Amino acid sequence: MVRSTTSNRSLGRQRGLSFWSVGVNLLILTLLLTILTRAVPIYIEYLTVRDIVHRAAEEFDSRSQTTQDLKTRIRKLMQTSQVYGPANEAVKVYRENGQYYIDATYEVRFPLIWILDGVMVFDDLLIQVDR
């Protein structure tokens, strides 16, 4: 009989989440969703830029085209894909030691929350054109 009153008392004290724990959980969820909504479009733009640069590098023929032709092709592909941010301005095409290079490395700074800023660095877009 003593056991049943003890178990009833402990079950009576379990009432679920408190107001503060719900508030903290909602705050964390809000922060994560805010970061996702600000970072995901930038990452999708990076994937688009990466595909454009690789496509332009594959289509480039150094025997019949110049670096200016390659720059123009990349610019047109970015305009068609509606890439207007810092990625569009960061693309450089140059020739060094008989090889053509496309350097599309860039970084994006964006506001997160209040005075906190996020930075995404995309530094893997240096491509050597093999033609």
Protein backbone atom coordinates (compact mmCIF):
# COMPACT_ATOMS: atom_id res chain seq x y z
CA MET A 1 0.00 0.00 0.00
CA VAL A 2 2.86 2.36 0.70
CA ARG A 3 4.30 1.69 -2.74
CA SER A 4 1.16 2.74 -4.55
CA THR A 5 0.97 6.14 -2.81
CA THR A 6 4.64 6.84 -3.60
CA SER A 7 4.21 6.02 -7.27
CA ASN A 8 1.04 8.13 -7.44
CA ARG A 9 2.88 11.08 -5.91
CA SER A 10 5.78 10.86 -8.38
CA LEU A 11 3.39 10.61 -11.33
CA GLY A 12 1.51 13.62 -10.06
CA ARG A 13 4.64 15.78 -10.18
CA GLN A 14 5.37 15.00 -13.84
CA ARG A 15 3.50 17.67 -15.70
CA GLY A 16 5.51 17.98 -18.97
CA LEU A 17 7.69 20.83 -20.15
CA SER A 18 7.89 24.04 -18.18
CA PHE A 19 7.33 27.45 -19.70
CA TRP A 20 11.07 28.19 -19.72
CA SER A 21 12.06 24.94 -21.40
CA VAL A 22 9.49 25.50 -24.15
CA GLY A 23 10.79 29.05 -24.58
CA VAL A 24 14.41 27.92 -24.84
CA ASN A 25 13.50 25.18 -27.32
CA LEU A 26 11.56 27.65 -29.48
CA LEU A 27 14.47 30.10 -29.36
CA ILE A 28 16.93 27.44 -30.53
CA LEU A 29 14.56 26.32 -33.28
CA THR A 30 14.08 29.93 -34.42
CA LEU A 31 17.84 30.52 -34.54
CA LEU A 32 18.41 27.37 -36.58
CA LEU A 33 15.64 28.22 -39.04
CA THR A 34 16.97 31.77 -39.40
CA ILE A 35 20.45 30.51 -40.20
CA LEU A 36 19.06 28.00 -42.68
CA THR A 37 16.89 30.53 -44.49
CA ARG A 38 19.85 32.89 -44.90
CA ALA A 39 22.56 30.34 -45.74
CA VAL A 40 20.76 27.89 -48.04
CA PRO A 41 20.15 30.35 -50.93
CA ILE A 42 23.81 31.37 -50.86
CA TYR A 43 24.89 27.73 -50.98
CA ILE A 44 22.50 27.01 -53.85
CA GLU A 45 24.02 29.95 -55.74
CA TYR A 46 27.47 28.49 -55.10
CA LEU A 47 26.37 25.16 -56.58
CA THR A 48 25.08 27.01 -59.65
CA VAL A 49 28.36 28.90 -60.04
CA ARG A 50 30.34 25.69 -59.68
CA ASP A 51 28.28 24.00 -62.39
CA ILE A 52 28.65 27.01 -64.71
CA VAL A 53 32.41 27.17 -64.28
CA HIS A 54 32.83 23.43 -64.87
CA ARG A 55 30.56 23.57 -67.90
CA ALA A 56 32.47 26.51 -69.41
CA ALA A 57 35.79 24.75 -68.75
CA GLU A 58 34.58 21.58 -70.49
CA GLU A 59 33.32 23.49 -73.54
CA PHE A 60 36.45 25.66 -73.93
CA ASP A 61 38.75 24.94 -76.87
CA SER A 62 42.06 26.81 -76.61
CA ARG A 63 42.84 26.32 -80.32
CA SER A 64 39.86 28.32 -81.53
CA GLN A 65 38.89 30.48 -78.54
CA THR A 66 40.58 33.13 -76.42
CA THR A 67 40.34 33.97 -72.73
CA GLN A 68 37.92 36.76 -73.63
CA ASP A 69 35.63 34.19 -75.27
CA LEU A 70 35.75 32.10 -72.10
CA LYS A 71 34.95 35.14 -69.93
CA THR A 72 32.04 36.02 -72.20
CA ARG A 73 30.72 32.45 -72.07
CA ILE A 74 30.86 32.39 -68.26
CA ARG A 75 29.18 35.82 -68.05
CA LYS A 76 26.36 34.70 -70.37
CA LEU A 77 25.84 31.45 -68.46
CA MET A 78 25.66 33.37 -65.16
CA GLN A 79 23.21 35.85 -66.63
CA THR A 80 21.04 33.02 -67.95
CA SER A 81 21.14 31.32 -64.54
CA GLN A 82 20.39 34.66 -62.82
CA VAL A 83 23.55 34.79 -60.72
CA TYR A 84 24.05 38.47 -59.89
CA GLY A 85 25.86 38.46 -56.55
CA PRO A 86 29.54 38.55 -55.67
CA ALA A 87 30.10 35.30 -57.53
CA ASN A 88 29.48 37.03 -60.86
CA GLU A 89 32.11 39.69 -60.17
CA ALA A 90 34.67 37.29 -58.71
CA VAL A 91 35.29 35.15 -61.81
CA LYS A 92 38.72 35.68 -63.35
CA VAL A 93 40.14 33.89 -66.39
CA TYR A 94 43.86 33.97 -67.06
CA ARG A 95 46.63 32.12 -68.81
CA GLU A 96 49.77 31.08 -66.98
CA ASN A 97 52.60 28.84 -68.26
CA GLY A 98 50.58 27.83 -71.30
CA GLN A 99 47.59 26.69 -69.21
CA TYR A 100 44.25 28.41 -68.84
CA TYR A 101 42.78 28.90 -65.39
CA ILE A 102 39.35 29.92 -64.17
CA ASP A 103 39.46 31.44 -60.70
CA ALA A 104 35.96 31.82 -59.26
CA THR A 105 36.84 31.78 -55.55
CA TYR A 106 34.81 34.20 -53.47
CA GLU A 107 33.24 34.76 -50.09
CA VAL A 108 29.84 36.01 -49.03
CA ARG A 109 29.07 37.90 -45.83
CA PHE A 110 25.46 38.05 -44.74
CA PRO A 111 23.57 39.22 -41.66
CA LEU A 112 22.35 36.50 -39.34
CA ILE A 113 20.86 37.92 -36.18
CA TRP A 114 21.20 41.42 -34.79
CA ILE A 115 24.97 42.20 -34.93
CA LEU A 116 26.08 38.71 -35.88
CA ASP A 117 27.19 38.13 -39.46
CA GLY A 118 27.77 34.87 -41.27
CA VAL A 119 30.62 34.25 -43.69
CA MET A 120 30.71 31.55 -46.32
CA VAL A 121 34.01 31.09 -48.16
CA PHE A 122 33.99 29.19 -51.44
CA ASP A 123 37.65 28.62 -52.25
CA ASP A 124 37.47 25.41 -54.25
CA LEU A 125 36.62 27.04 -57.57
CA LEU A 126 40.09 27.31 -59.10
CA ILE A 127 39.93 25.19 -62.23
CA GLN A 128 42.67 24.38 -64.69
CA VAL A 129 41.29 24.09 -68.21
CA ASP A 130 42.80 21.04 -69.91
CA ARG A 131 42.87 22.06 -73.55
